[in-house]
Amino acid sequence: MRNDQRAITDDQRTHAGLIWDYHQMRHPLQPVDVAIGLGSHDLGVAAHSARLYAAGLFRTLVFTGGNSPTTAEVFPRGEAVHFREHAIELGVPAGAILLEPKAANTGQNISYSRDVLAAAGITPRSVLLVSKPYMERRSFATARKVWPEVELTCASEPLELDDYLKSIGDENLVLDMLVGDLQRVIEYPRLGFAVEQDVPDAVRAAYESLIHDGFTSRLIAS
């Protein structure tokens, strides 16, 4: 059951912080052939992609994503479409952006983006994945499985958990998403969707505590 409208406790915030830190890969940024902005409810992905483009890290940017239950109202024309428009508003040339508007999960984000790039005559050797801060590890593990031949770097807005909670405006939703993404990191390798990631005991304990506290709306049946 969701904890809607209920303030999170100090212990819950501490547990969320452990999971938040675990999800981030902290890869050093370097120039890459292309970047892929992974669709979500968080328009900060588009904004950060625009900043990285302006910094000269890549010349081609793919935005990928259709809709999900958490984005349909906010981005009615699809995540990728809205992300592209926002990036253009922030100065990214329209000609630098490729659009992948159909993906419904992270594996499709990666594989469909690869297809869009191939159709444009682009076969990258290095790819930057731009995601929500707590989606870095899952996107990395998924891409390692789906597209193992490319060199991968992950990036997200450089925010602390408290700042991210304020930017989203729904603490319970963020904790639900943190828990849901960690479940996928744990479960997806055995389903063939991602490569294995080591999960420290403290992170796993924090995850189990938040599940016990009811942050379960983003869990999948396992």
N, C-alpha and C. Protein backbone atom coordinates (compact mmCIF):
# COMPACT_ATOMS: atom_id res chain seq x y z
N MET A 1 0.85 -1.20 0.00
CA MET A 1 0.00 0.00 0.00
C MET A 1 0.88 1.24 0.00
N ARG A 2 0.56 2.22 -0.84
CA ARG A 2 1.32 3.45 -0.91
C ARG A 2 1.15 4.26 0.36
N ASN A 3 2.18 5.05 0.69
CA ASN A 3 2.15 5.91 1.85
C ASN A 3 1.81 7.34 1.43
N ASP A 4 0.79 7.52 0.59
CA ASP A 4 0.46 8.83 0.03
C ASP A 4 0.22 9.86 1.11
N GLN A 5 0.79 11.03 0.90
CA GLN A 5 0.59 12.19 1.76
C GLN A 5 1.14 12.00 3.17
N ARG A 6 1.91 10.96 3.41
CA ARG A 6 2.48 10.73 4.74
C ARG A 6 3.95 11.15 4.71
N ALA A 7 4.34 12.00 5.67
CA ALA A 7 5.73 12.44 5.73
C ALA A 7 6.62 11.25 6.05
N ILE A 8 7.75 11.17 5.36
CA ILE A 8 8.66 10.06 5.64
C ILE A 8 9.42 10.33 6.93
N THR A 9 9.77 9.27 7.63
CA THR A 9 10.47 9.38 8.90
C THR A 9 11.97 9.55 8.66
N ASP A 10 12.69 9.89 9.72
CA ASP A 10 14.15 10.02 9.61
C ASP A 10 14.79 8.70 9.22
N ASP A 11 14.30 7.60 9.79
CA ASP A 11 14.86 6.28 9.44
C ASP A 11 14.61 5.97 7.97
N GLN A 12 13.41 6.28 7.49
CA GLN A 12 13.10 6.03 6.09
C GLN A 12 13.97 6.87 5.17
N ARG A 13 14.22 8.10 5.58
CA ARG A 13 15.09 8.97 4.79
C ARG A 13 16.52 8.42 4.75
N THR A 14 16.99 7.91 5.88
CA THR A 14 18.32 7.31 5.94
C THR A 14 18.41 6.08 5.03
N HIS A 15 17.40 5.23 5.09
CA HIS A 15 17.39 4.04 4.24
C HIS A 15 17.33 4.42 2.76
N ALA A 16 16.51 5.42 2.47
CA ALA A 16 16.42 5.89 1.09
C ALA A 16 17.76 6.44 0.61
N GLY A 17 18.48 7.10 1.50
CA GLY A 17 19.78 7.65 1.14
C GLY A 17 20.79 6.58 0.77
N LEU A 18 20.75 5.46 1.48
CA LEU A 18 21.64 4.34 1.15
C LEU A 18 21.34 3.80 -0.25
N ILE A 19 20.06 3.65 -0.55
CA ILE A 19 19.67 3.13 -1.85
C ILE A 19 19.98 4.15 -2.95
N TRP A 20 19.73 5.42 -2.66
CA TRP A 20 20.03 6.51 -3.60
C TRP A 20 21.51 6.49 -3.99
N ASP A 21 22.37 6.40 -2.99
CA ASP A 21 23.81 6.38 -3.27
C ASP A 21 24.20 5.14 -4.08
N TYR A 22 23.60 4.02 -3.77
CA TYR A 22 23.92 2.78 -4.48
C TYR A 22 23.55 2.85 -5.95
N HIS A 23 22.42 3.47 -6.24
CA HIS A 23 21.94 3.52 -7.61
C HIS A 23 22.85 4.34 -8.53
N GLN A 24 23.63 5.23 -7.99
CA GLN A 24 24.45 6.11 -8.82
C GLN A 24 25.82 5.49 -9.09
N MET A 25 26.21 5.49 -10.35
CA MET A 25 27.45 4.84 -10.77
C MET A 25 28.67 5.73 -10.60
N ARG A 26 28.48 7.01 -10.63
CA ARG A 26 29.58 7.99 -10.47
C ARG A 26 30.69 7.78 -11.50
N HIS A 27 30.29 7.59 -12.72
CA HIS A 27 31.25 7.45 -13.80
C HIS A 27 31.87 8.81 -14.14
N PRO A 28 33.18 8.86 -14.37
CA PRO A 28 33.79 10.10 -14.88
C PRO A 28 33.23 10.39 -16.27
N LEU A 29 32.88 11.64 -16.51
CA LEU A 29 32.34 12.01 -17.81
C LEU A 29 33.45 12.25 -18.81
N GLN A 30 33.21 11.83 -20.04
CA GLN A 30 34.17 11.99 -21.12
C GLN A 30 33.41 12.07 -22.43
N PRO A 31 34.01 12.61 -23.49
CA PRO A 31 33.30 12.68 -24.77
C PRO A 31 32.91 11.29 -25.27
N VAL A 32 31.73 11.20 -25.86
CA VAL A 32 31.21 9.94 -26.37
C VAL A 32 30.64 10.16 -27.77
N ASP A 33 30.38 9.07 -28.46
CA ASP A 33 29.82 9.17 -29.81
C ASP A 33 28.38 9.68 -29.78
N VAL A 34 27.57 9.12 -28.86
CA VAL A 34 26.16 9.54 -28.76
C VAL A 34 25.73 9.49 -27.30
N ALA A 35 24.64 10.20 -27.03
CA ALA A 35 23.99 10.12 -25.72
C ALA A 35 22.55 9.68 -25.90
N ILE A 36 22.04 8.98 -24.90
CA ILE A 36 20.64 8.55 -24.91
C ILE A 36 19.99 9.06 -23.63
N GLY A 37 18.97 9.90 -23.79
CA GLY A 37 18.20 10.38 -22.65
C GLY A 37 17.02 9.47 -22.41
N LEU A 38 17.01 8.80 -21.28
CA LEU A 38 16.01 7.78 -20.99
C LEU A 38 14.74 8.42 -20.43
N GLY A 39 13.62 8.16 -21.09
CA GLY A 39 12.36 8.75 -20.69
C GLY A 39 11.93 8.33 -19.30
N SER A 40 11.18 9.23 -18.64
CA SER A 40 10.69 9.00 -17.29
C SER A 40 9.74 10.13 -16.94
N HIS A 41 9.37 10.21 -15.65
CA HIS A 41 8.55 11.32 -15.17
C HIS A 41 9.38 12.56 -14.88
N ASP A 42 10.70 12.46 -15.00
CA ASP A 42 11.62 13.50 -14.54
C ASP A 42 12.19 14.29 -15.72
N LEU A 43 11.67 15.51 -15.92
CA LEU A 43 12.13 16.36 -17.02
C LEU A 43 13.58 16.81 -16.81
N GLY A 44 14.12 16.60 -15.62
CA GLY A 44 15.51 16.92 -15.37
C GLY A 44 16.46 16.12 -16.26
N VAL A 45 16.00 14.97 -16.75
CA VAL A 45 16.83 14.18 -17.67
C VAL A 45 17.08 14.98 -18.94
N ALA A 46 16.05 15.62 -19.46
CA ALA A 46 16.20 16.43 -20.67
C ALA A 46 17.09 17.64 -20.40
N ALA A 47 16.88 18.28 -19.24
CA ALA A 47 17.68 19.46 -18.90
C ALA A 47 19.16 19.10 -18.75
N HIS A 48 19.44 17.98 -18.10
CA HIS A 48 20.84 17.60 -17.92
C HIS A 48 21.45 17.17 -19.24
N SER A 49 20.68 16.51 -20.09
CA SER A 49 21.17 16.16 -21.42
C SER A 49 21.56 17.41 -22.19
N ALA A 50 20.75 18.46 -22.06
CA ALA A 50 21.06 19.72 -22.74
C ALA A 50 22.35 20.33 -22.21
N ARG A 51 22.55 20.26 -20.90
CA ARG A 51 23.78 20.79 -20.31
C ARG A 51 25.00 20.02 -20.82
N LEU A 52 24.88 18.72 -20.89
CA LEU A 52 26.01 17.90 -21.34
C LEU A 52 26.28 18.12 -22.83
N TYR A 53 25.22 18.35 -23.60
CA TYR A 53 25.43 18.68 -25.01
C TYR A 53 26.18 20.00 -25.13
N ALA A 54 25.76 20.99 -24.36
CA ALA A 54 26.42 22.30 -24.40
C ALA A 54 27.88 22.20 -23.97
N ALA A 55 28.18 21.22 -23.11
CA ALA A 55 29.56 21.03 -22.66
C ALA A 55 30.42 20.33 -23.71
N GLY A 56 29.80 19.91 -24.81
CA GLY A 56 30.55 19.32 -25.91
C GLY A 56 30.87 17.85 -25.76
N LEU A 57 30.09 17.13 -24.93
CA LEU A 57 30.38 15.72 -24.70
C LEU A 57 29.89 14.81 -25.82
N PHE A 58 28.99 15.28 -26.65
CA PHE A 58 28.46 14.47 -27.75
C PHE A 58 27.81 15.40 -28.77
N ARG A 59 27.61 14.85 -29.98
CA ARG A 59 26.99 15.63 -31.05
C ARG A 59 25.61 15.10 -31.43
N THR A 60 25.32 13.87 -31.01
CA THR A 60 24.03 13.27 -31.33
C THR A 60 23.36 12.80 -30.04
N LEU A 61 22.08 13.12 -29.89
CA LEU A 61 21.32 12.81 -28.68
C LEU A 61 20.02 12.13 -29.09
N VAL A 62 19.76 10.97 -28.48
CA VAL A 62 18.50 10.27 -28.69
C VAL A 62 17.65 10.44 -27.44
N PHE A 63 16.39 10.84 -27.61
CA PHE A 63 15.44 10.77 -26.50
C PHE A 63 14.50 9.60 -26.77
N THR A 64 14.32 8.77 -25.76
CA THR A 64 13.55 7.55 -25.91
C THR A 64 12.49 7.42 -24.82
N GLY A 65 11.30 6.97 -25.22
CA GLY A 65 10.26 6.69 -24.24
C GLY A 65 8.88 7.05 -24.74
N GLY A 66 7.95 6.14 -24.53
CA GLY A 66 6.55 6.40 -24.84
C GLY A 66 5.86 6.95 -23.60
N ASN A 67 5.01 6.15 -23.00
CA ASN A 67 4.31 6.57 -21.78
C ASN A 67 4.26 5.42 -20.78
N SER A 68 4.03 5.78 -19.53
CA SER A 68 3.83 4.82 -18.45
C SER A 68 2.76 5.40 -17.54
N PRO A 69 2.25 4.62 -16.59
CA PRO A 69 1.24 5.15 -15.69
C PRO A 69 1.67 6.41 -14.94
N THR A 70 2.98 6.57 -14.70
CA THR A 70 3.45 7.74 -13.96
C THR A 70 3.74 8.94 -14.85
N THR A 71 3.65 8.77 -16.18
CA THR A 71 3.99 9.88 -17.08
C THR A 71 2.87 10.29 -18.03
N ALA A 72 1.84 9.49 -18.16
CA ALA A 72 0.81 9.74 -19.18
C ALA A 72 0.15 11.10 -19.02
N GLU A 73 -0.13 11.51 -17.78
CA GLU A 73 -0.77 12.80 -17.57
C GLU A 73 0.21 13.95 -17.76
N VAL A 74 1.44 13.78 -17.29
CA VAL A 74 2.42 14.85 -17.36
C VAL A 74 2.93 15.05 -18.79
N PHE A 75 3.16 13.96 -19.49
CA PHE A 75 3.69 14.01 -20.86
C PHE A 75 2.74 13.28 -21.81
N PRO A 76 1.58 13.87 -22.10
CA PRO A 76 0.55 13.16 -22.85
C PRO A 76 0.96 12.76 -24.27
N ARG A 77 1.94 13.43 -24.86
CA ARG A 77 2.40 13.08 -26.20
C ARG A 77 3.61 12.16 -26.18
N GLY A 78 3.94 11.68 -24.99
CA GLY A 78 5.05 10.75 -24.83
C GLY A 78 6.27 11.41 -24.24
N GLU A 79 7.02 10.62 -23.47
CA GLU A 79 8.19 11.15 -22.76
C GLU A 79 9.23 11.72 -23.71
N ALA A 80 9.58 10.96 -24.73
CA ALA A 80 10.64 11.40 -25.65
C ALA A 80 10.27 12.69 -26.36
N VAL A 81 9.01 12.82 -26.75
CA VAL A 81 8.57 14.03 -27.46
C VAL A 81 8.72 15.25 -26.57
N HIS A 82 8.27 15.14 -25.33
CA HIS A 82 8.36 16.27 -24.41
C HIS A 82 9.81 16.57 -24.04
N PHE A 83 10.62 15.53 -23.85
CA PHE A 83 12.03 15.73 -23.54
C PHE A 83 12.72 16.47 -24.70
N ARG A 84 12.44 16.06 -25.91
CA ARG A 84 13.04 16.71 -27.08
C ARG A 84 12.69 18.20 -27.11
N GLU A 85 11.42 18.49 -26.91
CA GLU A 85 10.97 19.89 -26.94
C GLU A 85 11.67 20.71 -25.86
N HIS A 86 11.81 20.13 -24.67
CA HIS A 86 12.46 20.85 -23.58
C HIS A 86 13.93 21.08 -23.88
N ALA A 87 14.60 20.08 -24.44
CA ALA A 87 16.01 20.23 -24.77
C ALA A 87 16.22 21.30 -25.84
N ILE A 88 15.32 21.36 -26.81
CA ILE A 88 15.40 22.40 -27.84
C ILE A 88 15.22 23.78 -27.22
N GLU A 89 14.28 23.89 -26.29
CA GLU A 89 14.09 25.16 -25.57
C GLU A 89 15.36 25.59 -24.84
N LEU A 90 16.15 24.60 -24.41
CA LEU A 90 17.38 24.88 -23.67
C LEU A 90 18.60 25.01 -24.57
N GLY A 91 18.38 25.00 -25.88
CA GLY A 91 19.46 25.32 -26.79
C GLY A 91 20.05 24.20 -27.61
N VAL A 92 19.56 22.97 -27.45
CA VAL A 92 20.06 21.87 -28.27
C VAL A 92 19.46 21.98 -29.67
N PRO A 93 20.26 21.99 -30.71
CA PRO A 93 19.71 22.08 -32.07
C PRO A 93 18.79 20.89 -32.37
N ALA A 94 17.67 21.17 -33.02
CA ALA A 94 16.73 20.10 -33.34
C ALA A 94 17.40 19.02 -34.18
N GLY A 95 18.33 19.42 -35.04
CA GLY A 95 18.99 18.47 -35.90
C GLY A 95 19.93 17.52 -35.19
N ALA A 96 20.25 17.83 -33.93
CA ALA A 96 21.15 16.97 -33.15
C ALA A 96 20.39 15.88 -32.41
N ILE A 97 19.05 15.94 -32.46
CA ILE A 97 18.23 15.04 -31.65
C ILE A 97 17.50 14.03 -32.52
N LEU A 98 17.62 12.76 -32.17
CA LEU A 98 16.83 11.69 -32.76
C LEU A 98 15.75 11.28 -31.76
N LEU A 99 14.62 10.83 -32.27
CA LEU A 99 13.47 10.54 -31.42
C LEU A 99 13.11 9.07 -31.50
N GLU A 100 12.92 8.47 -30.33
CA GLU A 100 12.44 7.09 -30.22
C GLU A 100 11.21 7.13 -29.32
N PRO A 101 9.99 7.13 -29.88
CA PRO A 101 8.80 7.42 -29.09
C PRO A 101 7.98 6.22 -28.63
N LYS A 102 8.51 5.01 -28.73
CA LYS A 102 7.68 3.83 -28.48
C LYS A 102 8.09 2.99 -27.28
N ALA A 103 9.31 3.12 -26.81
CA ALA A 103 9.81 2.22 -25.75
C ALA A 103 8.94 2.29 -24.50
N ALA A 104 8.68 1.12 -23.93
CA ALA A 104 7.86 1.02 -22.72
C ALA A 104 8.63 0.50 -21.52
N ASN A 105 9.90 0.17 -21.70
CA ASN A 105 10.73 -0.27 -20.58
C ASN A 105 12.19 0.01 -20.92
N THR A 106 13.07 -0.21 -19.95
CA THR A 106 14.46 0.19 -20.14
C THR A 106 15.15 -0.63 -21.23
N GLY A 107 14.85 -1.93 -21.31
CA GLY A 107 15.44 -2.74 -22.37
C GLY A 107 15.06 -2.21 -23.74
N GLN A 108 13.80 -1.82 -23.90
CA GLN A 108 13.35 -1.24 -25.16
C GLN A 108 13.98 0.13 -25.39
N ASN A 109 14.13 0.93 -24.33
CA ASN A 109 14.84 2.20 -24.46
C ASN A 109 16.18 2.01 -25.16
N ILE A 110 16.91 1.01 -24.70
CA ILE A 110 18.25 0.78 -25.24
C ILE A 110 18.19 0.19 -26.64
N SER A 111 17.44 -0.89 -26.82
CA SER A 111 17.44 -1.58 -28.10
C SER A 111 16.77 -0.73 -29.19
N TYR A 112 15.69 -0.04 -28.87
CA TYR A 112 15.02 0.79 -29.87
C TYR A 112 15.90 2.00 -30.23
N SER A 113 16.60 2.54 -29.25
CA SER A 113 17.51 3.66 -29.55
C SER A 113 18.63 3.20 -30.47
N ARG A 114 19.15 2.02 -30.22
CA ARG A 114 20.18 1.45 -31.11
C ARG A 114 19.65 1.33 -32.53
N ASP A 115 18.39 0.92 -32.68
CA ASP A 115 17.80 0.79 -34.01
C ASP A 115 17.63 2.15 -34.68
N VAL A 116 17.21 3.16 -33.90
CA VAL A 116 17.05 4.51 -34.44
C VAL A 116 18.40 5.05 -34.92
N LEU A 117 19.42 4.81 -34.14
CA LEU A 117 20.76 5.25 -34.53
C LEU A 117 21.21 4.53 -35.80
N ALA A 118 20.98 3.24 -35.86
CA ALA A 118 21.37 2.47 -37.04
C ALA A 118 20.66 2.98 -38.29
N ALA A 119 19.38 3.31 -38.14
CA ALA A 119 18.62 3.83 -39.27
C ALA A 119 19.17 5.17 -39.75
N ALA A 120 19.81 5.90 -38.84
CA ALA A 120 20.43 7.18 -39.18
C ALA A 120 21.87 7.00 -39.65
N GLY A 121 22.32 5.75 -39.75
CA GLY A 121 23.67 5.47 -40.21
C GLY A 121 24.73 5.65 -39.15
N ILE A 122 24.32 5.56 -37.88
CA ILE A 122 25.25 5.78 -36.77
C ILE A 122 25.45 4.47 -36.02
N THR A 123 26.70 4.02 -35.92
CA THR A 123 27.05 2.84 -35.13
C THR A 123 28.06 3.27 -34.08
N PRO A 124 27.58 3.67 -32.91
CA PRO A 124 28.49 4.22 -31.91
C PRO A 124 29.34 3.16 -31.24
N ARG A 125 30.51 3.59 -30.82
CA ARG A 125 31.36 2.74 -30.00
C ARG A 125 31.28 3.11 -28.53
N SER A 126 30.85 4.35 -28.27
CA SER A 126 30.70 4.80 -26.88
C SER A 126 29.37 5.52 -26.72
N VAL A 127 28.68 5.24 -25.62
CA VAL A 127 27.33 5.74 -25.39
C VAL A 127 27.24 6.28 -23.97
N LEU A 128 26.64 7.45 -23.84
CA LEU A 128 26.34 8.04 -22.54
C LEU A 128 24.85 7.87 -22.27
N LEU A 129 24.50 7.22 -21.18
CA LEU A 129 23.12 7.06 -20.76
C LEU A 129 22.78 8.13 -19.73
N VAL A 130 21.80 8.97 -20.06
CA VAL A 130 21.38 10.03 -19.14
C VAL A 130 20.02 9.61 -18.57
N SER A 131 19.94 9.54 -17.26
CA SER A 131 18.74 9.03 -16.61
C SER A 131 18.44 9.81 -15.35
N LYS A 132 17.36 9.41 -14.68
CA LYS A 132 17.11 9.89 -13.32
C LYS A 132 18.27 9.43 -12.44
N PRO A 133 18.57 10.17 -11.36
CA PRO A 133 19.71 9.77 -10.52
C PRO A 133 19.63 8.33 -10.00
N TYR A 134 18.43 7.88 -9.66
CA TYR A 134 18.32 6.54 -9.08
C TYR A 134 18.10 5.45 -10.13
N MET A 135 18.25 5.82 -11.40
CA MET A 135 18.10 4.83 -12.45
C MET A 135 19.43 4.49 -13.13
N GLU A 136 20.52 5.11 -12.67
CA GLU A 136 21.80 4.90 -13.34
C GLU A 136 22.21 3.42 -13.34
N ARG A 137 22.17 2.80 -12.18
CA ARG A 137 22.67 1.42 -12.10
C ARG A 137 21.81 0.46 -12.92
N ARG A 138 20.50 0.65 -12.86
CA ARG A 138 19.63 -0.24 -13.63
C ARG A 138 19.82 -0.04 -15.13
N SER A 139 19.96 1.21 -15.56
CA SER A 139 20.17 1.45 -16.99
C SER A 139 21.51 0.87 -17.43
N PHE A 140 22.53 0.99 -16.57
CA PHE A 140 23.84 0.41 -16.90
C PHE A 140 23.75 -1.11 -17.02
N ALA A 141 23.13 -1.75 -16.02
CA ALA A 141 23.03 -3.21 -16.03
C ALA A 141 22.21 -3.72 -17.21
N THR A 142 21.18 -2.96 -17.57
CA THR A 142 20.34 -3.35 -18.72
C THR A 142 21.11 -3.20 -20.03
N ALA A 143 21.78 -2.04 -20.19
CA ALA A 143 22.52 -1.80 -21.43
C ALA A 143 23.68 -2.79 -21.59
N ARG A 144 24.31 -3.17 -20.47
CA ARG A 144 25.39 -4.16 -20.54
C ARG A 144 24.88 -5.48 -21.11
N LYS A 145 23.62 -5.80 -20.81
CA LYS A 145 23.02 -7.03 -21.32
C LYS A 145 22.58 -6.87 -22.78
N VAL A 146 21.91 -5.77 -23.07
CA VAL A 146 21.29 -5.57 -24.38
C VAL A 146 22.28 -5.12 -25.45
N TRP A 147 23.29 -4.34 -25.03
CA TRP A 147 24.21 -3.73 -25.99
C TRP A 147 25.63 -3.85 -25.46
N PRO A 148 26.14 -5.07 -25.31
CA PRO A 148 27.40 -5.29 -24.60
C PRO A 148 28.64 -4.78 -25.34
N GLU A 149 28.51 -4.55 -26.64
CA GLU A 149 29.70 -4.19 -27.41
C GLU A 149 30.10 -2.73 -27.30
N VAL A 150 29.25 -1.86 -26.72
CA VAL A 150 29.60 -0.45 -26.63
C VAL A 150 30.20 -0.12 -25.26
N GLU A 151 31.01 0.92 -25.24
CA GLU A 151 31.53 1.45 -23.98
C GLU A 151 30.47 2.35 -23.36
N LEU A 152 30.08 2.08 -22.13
CA LEU A 152 28.97 2.78 -21.49
C LEU A 152 29.44 3.72 -20.39
N THR A 153 28.82 4.90 -20.37
CA THR A 153 28.98 5.84 -19.27
C THR A 153 27.59 6.26 -18.83
N CYS A 154 27.39 6.42 -17.53
CA CYS A 154 26.09 6.84 -17.01
C CYS A 154 26.20 8.24 -16.38
N ALA A 155 25.14 9.01 -16.52
CA ALA A 155 25.10 10.35 -15.94
C ALA A 155 23.69 10.69 -15.52
N SER A 156 23.58 11.59 -14.56
CA SER A 156 22.29 12.12 -14.12
C SER A 156 22.53 13.47 -13.47
N GLU A 157 21.44 14.17 -13.20
CA GLU A 157 21.59 15.46 -12.53
C GLU A 157 22.34 15.27 -11.21
N PRO A 158 23.34 16.12 -10.93
CA PRO A 158 24.12 15.97 -9.69
C PRO A 158 23.38 16.53 -8.48
N LEU A 159 22.38 15.78 -8.03
CA LEU A 159 21.55 16.21 -6.92
C LEU A 159 21.70 15.27 -5.72
N GLU A 160 21.62 15.85 -4.53
CA GLU A 160 21.50 15.03 -3.32
C GLU A 160 20.05 14.59 -3.17
N LEU A 161 19.83 13.56 -2.37
CA LEU A 161 18.48 13.02 -2.21
C LEU A 161 17.49 14.09 -1.76
N ASP A 162 17.84 14.87 -0.75
CA ASP A 162 16.91 15.88 -0.24
C ASP A 162 16.53 16.88 -1.32
N ASP A 163 17.49 17.28 -2.13
CA ASP A 163 17.20 18.22 -3.21
C ASP A 163 16.30 17.57 -4.26
N TYR A 164 16.53 16.31 -4.52
CA TYR A 164 15.69 15.62 -5.50
C TYR A 164 14.26 15.47 -4.98
N LEU A 165 14.12 15.14 -3.71
CA LEU A 165 12.79 15.03 -3.12
C LEU A 165 12.02 16.33 -3.27
N LYS A 166 12.70 17.44 -3.04
CA LYS A 166 12.05 18.75 -3.18
C LYS A 166 11.70 19.04 -4.63
N SER A 167 12.57 18.65 -5.56
CA SER A 167 12.33 18.96 -6.97
C SER A 167 11.14 18.17 -7.52
N ILE A 168 10.95 16.94 -7.04
CA ILE A 168 9.83 16.12 -7.50
C ILE A 168 8.55 16.49 -6.76
N GLY A 169 8.67 16.81 -5.48
CA GLY A 169 7.51 17.26 -4.72
C GLY A 169 6.64 16.15 -4.16
N ASP A 170 7.07 14.91 -4.27
CA ASP A 170 6.31 13.77 -3.74
C ASP A 170 7.31 12.77 -3.17
N GLU A 171 7.58 12.88 -1.86
CA GLU A 171 8.59 12.03 -1.23
C GLU A 171 8.24 10.56 -1.34
N ASN A 172 6.95 10.26 -1.16
CA ASN A 172 6.53 8.86 -1.19
C ASN A 172 6.73 8.23 -2.56
N LEU A 173 6.42 8.99 -3.61
CA LEU A 173 6.64 8.48 -4.95
C LEU A 173 8.12 8.18 -5.18
N VAL A 174 8.99 9.09 -4.75
CA VAL A 174 10.42 8.88 -4.96
C VAL A 174 10.90 7.63 -4.23
N LEU A 175 10.47 7.44 -2.97
CA LEU A 175 10.88 6.24 -2.25
C LEU A 175 10.32 4.98 -2.88
N ASP A 176 9.08 5.04 -3.36
CA ASP A 176 8.54 3.90 -4.11
C ASP A 176 9.41 3.58 -5.32
N MET A 177 9.85 4.61 -6.02
CA MET A 177 10.65 4.40 -7.23
C MET A 177 12.05 3.88 -6.87
N LEU A 178 12.64 4.39 -5.80
CA LEU A 178 13.94 3.89 -5.36
C LEU A 178 13.87 2.39 -5.08
N VAL A 179 12.82 1.99 -4.38
CA VAL A 179 12.64 0.58 -4.03
C VAL A 179 12.38 -0.25 -5.30
N GLY A 180 11.52 0.26 -6.17
CA GLY A 180 11.20 -0.47 -7.39
C GLY A 180 12.41 -0.67 -8.29
N ASP A 181 13.23 0.37 -8.42
CA ASP A 181 14.42 0.23 -9.26
C ASP A 181 15.40 -0.77 -8.66
N LEU A 182 15.53 -0.77 -7.33
CA LEU A 182 16.44 -1.73 -6.71
C LEU A 182 15.93 -3.16 -6.88
N GLN A 183 14.63 -3.35 -6.77
CA GLN A 183 14.09 -4.68 -7.01
C GLN A 183 14.47 -5.16 -8.41
N ARG A 184 14.40 -4.28 -9.38
CA ARG A 184 14.71 -4.66 -10.75
C ARG A 184 16.20 -4.96 -10.91
N VAL A 185 17.05 -4.20 -10.22
CA VAL A 185 18.48 -4.50 -10.24
C VAL A 185 18.73 -5.91 -9.69
N ILE A 186 17.99 -6.28 -8.65
CA ILE A 186 18.17 -7.59 -8.01
C ILE A 186 17.57 -8.72 -8.86
N GLU A 187 16.37 -8.49 -9.38
CA GLU A 187 15.61 -9.58 -10.00
C GLU A 187 15.87 -9.76 -11.49
N TYR A 188 16.17 -8.69 -12.20
CA TYR A 188 16.23 -8.77 -13.67
C TYR A 188 17.33 -9.67 -14.21
N PRO A 189 18.48 -9.79 -13.54
CA PRO A 189 19.49 -10.70 -14.10
C PRO A 189 19.00 -12.13 -14.28
N ARG A 190 18.28 -12.65 -13.32
CA ARG A 190 17.81 -14.04 -13.45
C ARG A 190 16.72 -14.18 -14.50
N LEU A 191 16.10 -13.06 -14.88
CA LEU A 191 15.10 -13.07 -15.94
C LEU A 191 15.71 -12.82 -17.31
N GLY A 192 17.02 -12.54 -17.32
CA GLY A 192 17.71 -12.32 -18.58
C GLY A 192 17.64 -10.91 -19.10
N PHE A 193 17.20 -9.95 -18.26
CA PHE A 193 17.02 -8.57 -18.70
C PHE A 193 18.22 -7.69 -18.44
N ALA A 194 19.14 -8.12 -17.58
CA ALA A 194 20.25 -7.27 -17.15
C ALA A 194 21.39 -8.13 -16.65
N VAL A 195 22.56 -7.51 -16.50
CA VAL A 195 23.69 -8.23 -15.91
C VAL A 195 23.64 -8.07 -14.39
N GLU A 196 24.28 -8.99 -13.70
CA GLU A 196 24.29 -9.01 -12.23
C GLU A 196 25.03 -7.81 -11.67
N GLN A 197 24.49 -7.27 -10.57
CA GLN A 197 25.15 -6.20 -9.82
C GLN A 197 25.26 -6.63 -8.36
N ASP A 198 26.41 -6.39 -7.76
CA ASP A 198 26.57 -6.69 -6.35
C ASP A 198 25.75 -5.70 -5.52
N VAL A 199 24.99 -6.21 -4.57
CA VAL A 199 24.18 -5.35 -3.69
C VAL A 199 24.70 -5.51 -2.27
N PRO A 200 25.31 -4.47 -1.69
CA PRO A 200 25.83 -4.57 -0.32
C PRO A 200 24.73 -4.91 0.69
N ASP A 201 25.12 -5.57 1.76
CA ASP A 201 24.15 -5.99 2.77
C ASP A 201 23.36 -4.81 3.33
N ALA A 202 24.03 -3.68 3.57
CA ALA A 202 23.36 -2.52 4.15
C ALA A 202 22.29 -1.98 3.21
N VAL A 203 22.57 -2.01 1.91
CA VAL A 203 21.61 -1.55 0.92
C VAL A 203 20.42 -2.50 0.87
N ARG A 204 20.69 -3.79 0.90
CA ARG A 204 19.60 -4.77 0.87
C ARG A 204 18.72 -4.65 2.12
N ALA A 205 19.34 -4.40 3.27
CA ALA A 205 18.57 -4.23 4.51
C ALA A 205 17.70 -2.98 4.44
N ALA A 206 18.22 -1.89 3.87
CA ALA A 206 17.45 -0.67 3.72
C ALA A 206 16.25 -0.90 2.80
N TYR A 207 16.49 -1.64 1.75
CA TYR A 207 15.44 -2.00 0.78
C TYR A 207 14.33 -2.80 1.47
N GLU A 208 14.70 -3.80 2.23
CA GLU A 208 13.71 -4.63 2.90
C GLU A 208 12.93 -3.84 3.94
N SER A 209 13.60 -2.89 4.60
CA SER A 209 12.92 -2.06 5.60
C SER A 209 11.86 -1.17 4.94
N LEU A 210 12.20 -0.57 3.80
CA LEU A 210 11.24 0.30 3.12
C LEU A 210 10.08 -0.50 2.54
N ILE A 211 10.33 -1.71 2.11
CA ILE A 211 9.23 -2.57 1.67
C ILE A 211 8.31 -2.86 2.85
N HIS A 212 8.89 -3.18 4.00
CA HIS A 212 8.09 -3.43 5.20
C HIS A 212 7.25 -2.21 5.56
N ASP A 213 7.78 -1.01 5.29
CA ASP A 213 7.05 0.22 5.61
C ASP A 213 6.01 0.60 4.56
N GLY A 214 5.91 -0.19 3.51
CA GLY A 214 4.83 0.02 2.55
C GLY A 214 5.18 0.75 1.27
N PHE A 215 6.47 0.92 1.01
CA PHE A 215 6.86 1.62 -0.23
C PHE A 215 6.96 0.59 -1.35
N THR A 216 5.81 0.17 -1.82
CA THR A 216 5.73 -1.02 -2.69
C THR A 216 5.01 -0.79 -4.01
N SER A 217 4.56 0.42 -4.29
CA SER A 217 3.70 0.61 -5.46
C SER A 217 4.43 0.36 -6.77
N ARG A 218 5.77 0.42 -6.78
CA ARG A 218 6.52 0.21 -8.01
C ARG A 218 7.16 -1.18 -8.09
N LEU A 219 6.80 -2.06 -7.16
CA LEU A 219 7.32 -3.43 -7.19
C LEU A 219 6.63 -4.24 -8.28
N ILE A 220 7.38 -5.17 -8.84
CA ILE A 220 6.82 -6.11 -9.81
C ILE A 220 6.66 -7.45 -9.12
N ALA A 221 5.77 -8.29 -9.61
CA ALA A 221 5.62 -9.63 -9.06
C ALA A 221 6.88 -10.42 -9.34
N SER A 222 7.38 -11.09 -8.33
CA SER A 222 8.63 -11.86 -8.52
C SER A 222 8.51 -13.23 -7.88
